[in-house]
C-alpha atoms as a PDB file:
ATOM      1  CA  MET A   1     -37.698  -0.967   2.974  1.00  0.00           C
ATOM      2  CA  LYS A   2     -37.865   1.843   5.489  1.00  0.00           C
ATOM      3  CA  PHE A   3     -34.700   2.967   7.231  1.00  0.00           C
ATOM      4  CA  ASN A   4     -35.824   1.873  10.690  1.00  0.00           C
ATOM      5  CA  ASP A   5     -36.723  -1.577   9.349  1.00  0.00           C
ATOM      6  CA  TYR A   6     -33.305  -1.805   7.740  1.00  0.00           C
ATOM      7  CA  GLN A   7     -31.652  -0.702  10.973  1.00  0.00           C
ATOM      8  CA  LYS A   8     -33.425  -3.419  12.979  1.00  0.00           C
ATOM      9  CA  GLU A   9     -32.512  -6.130  10.467  1.00  0.00           C
ATOM     10  CA  ALA A  10     -28.920  -4.939  10.042  1.00  0.00           C
ATOM     11  CA  LEU A  11     -28.321  -4.860  13.772  1.00  0.00           C
ATOM     12  CA  LYS A  12     -29.359  -8.494  14.083  1.00  0.00           C
ATOM     13  CA  LEU A  13     -26.082  -9.154  12.269  1.00  0.00           C
ATOM     14  CA  ALA A  14     -23.942  -6.759  14.317  1.00  0.00           C
ATOM     15  CA  VAL A  15     -21.047  -8.443  16.058  1.00  0.00           C
ATOM     16  CA  TYR A  16     -18.246  -6.220  17.286  1.00  0.00           C
ATOM     17  CA  PRO A  17     -16.380  -5.530  20.539  1.00  0.00           C
ATOM     18  CA  ASN A  18     -18.336  -3.843  23.337  1.00  0.00           C
ATOM     19  CA  ARG A  19     -21.411  -3.397  21.160  1.00  0.00           C
ATOM     20  CA  GLY A  20     -23.821  -0.938  22.730  1.00  0.00           C
ATOM     21  CA  ASN A  21     -20.979   1.088  24.206  1.00  0.00           C
ATOM     22  CA  ASN A  22     -18.576   1.504  21.304  1.00  0.00           C
ATOM     23  CA  ILE A  23     -18.942   4.456  18.950  1.00  0.00           C
ATOM     24  CA  VAL A  24     -15.410   4.054  17.614  1.00  0.00           C
ATOM     25  CA  TYR A  25     -15.840   0.707  15.849  1.00  0.00           C
ATOM     26  CA  PRO A  26     -18.807   1.688  13.638  1.00  0.00           C
ATOM     27  CA  ALA A  27     -17.393   5.188  13.025  1.00  0.00           C
ATOM     28  CA  LEU A  28     -14.116   3.735  11.761  1.00  0.00           C
ATOM     29  CA  GLY A  29     -15.949   1.062   9.793  1.00  0.00           C
ATOM     30  CA  MET A  30     -18.137   3.662   8.094  1.00  0.00           C
ATOM     31  CA  ASN A  31     -15.066   5.651   7.105  1.00  0.00           C
ATOM     32  CA  GLY A  32     -13.314   2.536   5.811  1.00  0.00           C
ATOM     33  CA  GLU A  33     -16.278   1.502   3.698  1.00  0.00           C
ATOM     34  CA  ALA A  34     -16.692   5.039   2.337  1.00  0.00           C
ATOM     35  CA  GLY A  35     -13.031   4.803   1.334  1.00  0.00           C
ATOM     36  CA  GLU A  36     -13.802   1.585  -0.539  1.00  0.00           C
ATOM     37  CA  VAL A  37     -16.574   3.378  -2.434  1.00  0.00           C
ATOM     38  CA  ALA A  38     -14.143   6.160  -3.341  1.00  0.00           C
ATOM     39  CA  GLU A  39     -11.494   3.637  -4.379  1.00  0.00           C
ATOM     40  CA  LYS A  40     -13.898   1.892  -6.766  1.00  0.00           C
ATOM     41  CA  VAL A  41     -14.947   5.236  -8.266  1.00  0.00           C
ATOM     42  CA  LYS A  42     -11.279   6.202  -8.660  1.00  0.00           C
ATOM     43  CA  LYS A  43     -10.580   2.984 -10.557  1.00  0.00           C
ATOM     44  CA  ILE A  44     -13.547   3.606 -12.853  1.00  0.00           C
ATOM     45  CA  LEU A  45     -12.052   7.036 -13.617  1.00  0.00           C
ATOM     46  CA  ARG A  46      -8.560   5.602 -14.091  1.00  0.00           C
ATOM     47  CA  ASP A  47      -9.305   2.365 -15.914  1.00  0.00           C
ATOM     48  CA  GLN A  48     -12.548   3.088 -17.761  1.00  0.00           C
ATOM     49  CA  ASP A  49     -12.354   6.829 -18.472  1.00  0.00           C
ATOM     50  CA  GLY A  50     -15.161   7.416 -15.960  1.00  0.00           C
ATOM     51  CA  VAL A  51     -17.622   5.181 -17.784  1.00  0.00           C
ATOM     52  CA  TRP A  52     -19.182   2.570 -15.533  1.00  0.00           C
ATOM     53  CA  ASN A  53     -20.836  -0.678 -16.431  1.00  0.00           C
ATOM     54  CA  ASP A  54     -23.339  -2.970 -14.712  1.00  0.00           C
ATOM     55  CA  GLN A  55     -20.570  -4.825 -12.862  1.00  0.00           C
ATOM     56  CA  ASN A  56     -19.121  -1.583 -11.469  1.00  0.00           C
ATOM     57  CA  GLN A  57     -22.581  -0.412 -10.510  1.00  0.00           C
ATOM     58  CA  GLN A  58     -23.265  -3.609  -8.560  1.00  0.00           C
ATOM     59  CA  GLN A  59     -19.898  -3.360  -6.788  1.00  0.00           C
ATOM     60  CA  ILE A  60     -20.586   0.251  -5.791  1.00  0.00           C
ATOM     61  CA  LYS A  61     -24.070  -0.753  -4.645  1.00  0.00           C
ATOM     62  CA  LYS A  62     -22.595  -3.358  -2.306  1.00  0.00           C
ATOM     63  CA  GLU A  63     -20.056  -0.910  -0.887  1.00  0.00           C
ATOM     64  CA  ILE A  64     -22.717   1.751  -0.315  1.00  0.00           C
ATOM     65  CA  GLY A  65     -24.704  -0.945   1.467  1.00  0.00           C
ATOM     66  CA  ASP A  66     -21.732  -1.546   3.746  1.00  0.00           C
ATOM     67  CA  VAL A  67     -21.592   2.193   4.499  1.00  0.00           C
ATOM     68  CA  LEU A  68     -25.295   2.060   5.329  1.00  0.00           C
ATOM     69  CA  TRP A  69     -24.743  -0.891   7.690  1.00  0.00           C
ATOM     70  CA  TYR A  70     -22.144   1.070   9.639  1.00  0.00           C
ATOM     71  CA  CYS A  71     -24.451   4.120   9.662  1.00  0.00           C
ATOM     72  CA  ALA A  72     -27.107   1.929  11.252  1.00  0.00           C
ATOM     73  CA  ALA A  73     -24.655   0.604  13.828  1.00  0.00           C
ATOM     74  CA  LEU A  74     -23.330   4.065  14.704  1.00  0.00           C
ATOM     75  CA  ALA A  75     -26.839   5.462  14.958  1.00  0.00           C
ATOM     76  CA  GLU A  76     -27.731   2.636  17.334  1.00  0.00           C
ATOM     77  CA  GLU A  77     -24.718   3.416  19.513  1.00  0.00           C
ATOM     78  CA  PHE A  78     -26.087   6.959  19.865  1.00  0.00           C
ATOM     79  CA  HIS A  79     -29.664   5.679  20.389  1.00  0.00           C
ATOM     80  CA  LEU A  80     -30.775   7.287  17.137  1.00  0.00           C
ATOM     81  CA  GLU A  81     -33.078   5.963  14.434  1.00  0.00           C
ATOM     82  CA  LEU A  82     -32.173   6.128  10.759  1.00  0.00           C
ATOM     83  CA  ASP A  83     -35.664   7.365   9.817  1.00  0.00           C
ATOM     84  CA  ASP A  84     -35.195  10.370  12.099  1.00  0.00           C
ATOM     85  CA  ILE A  85     -31.660  10.989  10.832  1.00  0.00           C
ATOM     86  CA  ALA A  86     -32.878  10.960   7.217  1.00  0.00           C
ATOM     87  CA  LYS A  87     -35.800  13.275   8.023  1.00  0.00           C
ATOM     88  CA  THR A  88     -33.553  15.720   9.890  1.00  0.00           C
ATOM     89  CA  ASN A  89     -31.069  15.768   7.023  1.00  0.00           C
ATOM     90  CA  ILE A  90     -33.751  16.547   4.425  1.00  0.00           C
ATOM     91  CA  GLU A  91     -35.137  19.320   6.628  1.00  0.00           C
ATOM     92  CA  LYS A  92     -31.631  20.802   7.001  1.00  0.00           C
ATOM     93  CA  LEU A  93     -31.038  20.736   3.251  1.00  0.00           C
ATOM     94  CA  GLN A  94     -34.475  22.172   2.442  1.00  0.00           C
ATOM     95  CA  ASP A  95     -33.800  25.003   4.880  1.00  0.00           C
ATOM     96  CA  ARG A  96     -30.494  25.751   3.177  1.00  0.00           C
ATOM     97  CA  VAL A  97     -32.182  25.865  -0.223  1.00  0.00           C
ATOM     98  CA  LYS A  98     -34.912  28.128   1.147  1.00  0.00           C
ATOM     99  CA  ARG A  99     -32.280  30.526   2.521  1.00  0.00           C
ATOM    100  CA  ASN A 100     -30.113  30.204  -0.628  1.00  0.00           C
ATOM    101  CA  LYS A 101     -27.285  28.693   1.440  1.00  0.00           C
ATOM    102  CA  ILE A 102     -26.992  25.322  -0.294  1.00  0.00           C
ATOM    103  CA  HIS A 103     -23.553  26.351  -1.624  1.00  0.00           C
ATOM    104  CA  GLY A 104     -20.664  27.335   0.578  1.00  0.00           C
ATOM    105  CA  ASN A 105     -18.877  25.893   3.568  1.00  0.00           C
ATOM    106  CA  GLY A 106     -19.698  25.035   7.136  1.00  0.00           C
ATOM    107  CA  ASP A 107     -22.279  22.965   8.919  1.00  0.00           C
ATOM    108  CA  ASN A 108     -24.346  25.898  10.156  1.00  0.00           C
ATOM    109  CA  ARG A 109     -24.896  27.926   7.007  1.00  0.00           C
END
């Protein structure tokens, strides 16, 4: 599935206050879901010595999917397409590698 196709399908299921003029709801949701991913990883480290199993993998997969849903919703609020976001991100990272700036801090390295 291509990102833009996902975005269209995901947004058919989007129900939240003031949709179309509400960047806060999907931004907070994305952060919350990313926290759930981190929480599951933390518990794998704590309870399973960092060794995951198929069940953990499927749980993480679902949580990453929730992060992706909120990414799609937030992108829509900004009138952006996920395909373009993904392409721009790869170009940014390739440029950093080319300039040997993949390590370090800051957005504009």
